[in-house]
């Protein structure tokens, strides 16, 4: 069974997502190896591709992957 990561209340129209509110996860600075984490996440395998536009729920700016911001990716252990 895949673990769920990144399923926040603000990203769905239903409350009670597995990871709670994304605002609780916001930190003043990133992790020391943040660029490695982003590279790893960007290399995930597409499970479901969604063609849509979207906005960042924290800043309101265009999402960096706005052409498919609801797409789901996996590394085989995490979704």
C-alpha atoms as a PDB file:
ATOM      1  CA  UNK A   1       0.000   0.000   0.000  1.00  0.00           C
ATOM      2  CA  UNK A   2       1.300   3.459  -0.904  1.00  0.00           C
ATOM      3  CA  UNK A   3       1.877   6.049   1.815  1.00  0.00           C
ATOM      4  CA  UNK A   4       0.153   9.390   1.200  1.00  0.00           C
ATOM      5  CA  UNK A   5       2.195  12.579   1.198  1.00  0.00           C
ATOM      6  CA  UNK A   6       1.033  16.041   0.176  1.00  0.00           C
ATOM      7  CA  UNK A   7      -2.713  15.469   0.516  1.00  0.00           C
ATOM      8  CA  UNK A   8      -3.688  18.691   2.318  1.00  0.00           C
ATOM      9  CA  UNK A   9      -7.106  20.136   3.144  1.00  0.00           C
ATOM     10  CA  UNK A  10      -6.583  23.188   0.916  1.00  0.00           C
ATOM     11  CA  UNK A  11      -5.928  21.030  -2.158  1.00  0.00           C
ATOM     12  CA  UNK A  12      -9.322  19.323  -2.109  1.00  0.00           C
ATOM     13  CA  UNK A  13     -12.892  20.406  -1.491  1.00  0.00           C
ATOM     14  CA  UNK A  14     -13.200  17.988   1.442  1.00  0.00           C
ATOM     15  CA  UNK A  15     -11.713  18.595   4.881  1.00  0.00           C
ATOM     16  CA  UNK A  16      -9.855  15.879   6.765  1.00  0.00           C
ATOM     17  CA  UNK A  17      -7.169  15.029   4.210  1.00  0.00           C
ATOM     18  CA  UNK A  18      -4.399  12.707   5.538  1.00  0.00           C
ATOM     19  CA  UNK A  19      -1.822  15.500   5.940  1.00  0.00           C
ATOM     20  CA  UNK A  20      -4.116  18.165   7.495  1.00  0.00           C
ATOM     21  CA  UNK A  21      -3.633  21.835   6.630  1.00  0.00           C
ATOM     22  CA  UNK A  22      -0.764  22.824   4.360  1.00  0.00           C
ATOM     23  CA  UNK A  23      -0.384  25.998   6.426  1.00  0.00           C
ATOM     24  CA  UNK A  24       0.758  23.871   9.393  1.00  0.00           C
ATOM     25  CA  UNK A  25       3.592  22.488   7.239  1.00  0.00           C
ATOM     26  CA  UNK A  26       4.957  25.896   6.151  1.00  0.00           C
ATOM     27  CA  UNK A  27       8.404  26.632   7.605  1.00  0.00           C
ATOM     28  CA  UNK A  28      10.354  29.916   7.627  1.00  0.00           C
ATOM     29  CA  UNK A  29      13.283  28.255   5.781  1.00  0.00           C
ATOM     30  CA  UNK A  30      13.632  25.127   3.670  1.00  0.00           C
ATOM     31  CA  UNK A  31      15.424  21.927   4.564  1.00  0.00           C
ATOM     32  CA  UNK A  32      19.238  21.956   4.044  1.00  0.00           C
ATOM     33  CA  UNK A  33      18.892  19.411   1.219  1.00  0.00           C
ATOM     34  CA  UNK A  34      15.754  20.983  -0.264  1.00  0.00           C
ATOM     35  CA  UNK A  35      17.045  21.042  -3.849  1.00  0.00           C
ATOM     36  CA  UNK A  36      17.808  17.307  -3.664  1.00  0.00           C
ATOM     37  CA  UNK A  37      14.294  16.664  -2.323  1.00  0.00           C
ATOM     38  CA  UNK A  38      12.698  18.691  -5.139  1.00  0.00           C
ATOM     39  CA  UNK A  39      14.805  16.856  -7.740  1.00  0.00           C
ATOM     40  CA  UNK A  40      13.745  13.500  -6.251  1.00  0.00           C
ATOM     41  CA  UNK A  41      10.062  14.470  -6.225  1.00  0.00           C
ATOM     42  CA  UNK A  42      10.222  15.806  -9.793  1.00  0.00           C
ATOM     43  CA  UNK A  43      11.614  12.421 -10.921  1.00  0.00           C
ATOM     44  CA  UNK A  44       8.518  10.533  -9.691  1.00  0.00           C
ATOM     45  CA  UNK A  45       6.566   8.305 -12.053  1.00  0.00           C
ATOM     46  CA  UNK A  46       3.180   9.625 -13.194  1.00  0.00           C
ATOM     47  CA  UNK A  47       0.305   7.592 -11.808  1.00  0.00           C
ATOM     48  CA  UNK A  48      -2.468   9.937 -13.001  1.00  0.00           C
ATOM     49  CA  UNK A  49      -1.911  12.928 -15.303  1.00  0.00           C
ATOM     50  CA  UNK A  50      -4.417  15.769 -15.072  1.00  0.00           C
ATOM     51  CA  UNK A  51      -4.472  18.639 -17.551  1.00  0.00           C
ATOM     52  CA  UNK A  52      -5.553  21.756 -15.669  1.00  0.00           C
ATOM     53  CA  UNK A  53      -4.322  25.110 -14.476  1.00  0.00           C
ATOM     54  CA  UNK A  54      -3.918  25.918 -10.833  1.00  0.00           C
ATOM     55  CA  UNK A  55      -2.683  28.425  -8.311  1.00  0.00           C
ATOM     56  CA  UNK A  56      -0.394  27.995  -5.326  1.00  0.00           C
ATOM     57  CA  UNK A  57      -2.738  27.752  -2.297  1.00  0.00           C
ATOM     58  CA  UNK A  58      -0.272  29.636  -0.073  1.00  0.00           C
ATOM     59  CA  UNK A  59       0.937  32.494  -2.299  1.00  0.00           C
ATOM     60  CA  UNK A  60      -1.845  32.638  -4.902  1.00  0.00           C
ATOM     61  CA  UNK A  61       0.728  32.701  -7.718  1.00  0.00           C
ATOM     62  CA  UNK A  62       0.652  30.350 -10.703  1.00  0.00           C
ATOM     63  CA  UNK A  63       1.705  26.837  -9.700  1.00  0.00           C
ATOM     64  CA  UNK A  64       5.120  25.852 -11.088  1.00  0.00           C
ATOM     65  CA  UNK A  65       3.486  22.791 -12.671  1.00  0.00           C
ATOM     66  CA  UNK A  66       0.217  24.541 -13.480  1.00  0.00           C
ATOM     67  CA  UNK A  67      -0.401  22.447 -16.571  1.00  0.00           C
ATOM     68  CA  UNK A  68      -1.037  19.437 -14.329  1.00  0.00           C
ATOM     69  CA  UNK A  69      -0.979  20.507 -10.711  1.00  0.00           C
ATOM     70  CA  UNK A  70      -3.396  17.748  -9.629  1.00  0.00           C
ATOM     71  CA  UNK A  71      -1.385  15.014 -11.302  1.00  0.00           C
ATOM     72  CA  UNK A  72      -0.278  12.223  -8.969  1.00  0.00           C
ATOM     73  CA  UNK A  73       3.257  10.850  -8.953  1.00  0.00           C
ATOM     74  CA  UNK A  74       4.825   7.964  -7.065  1.00  0.00           C
ATOM     75  CA  UNK A  75       8.221   6.455  -6.297  1.00  0.00           C
ATOM     76  CA  UNK A  76       6.571   3.081  -5.699  1.00  0.00           C
ATOM     77  CA  UNK A  77       6.319   3.602  -1.930  1.00  0.00           C
ATOM     78  CA  UNK A  78       4.743   7.040  -1.624  1.00  0.00           C
ATOM     79  CA  UNK A  79       1.987   8.777  -3.577  1.00  0.00           C
END
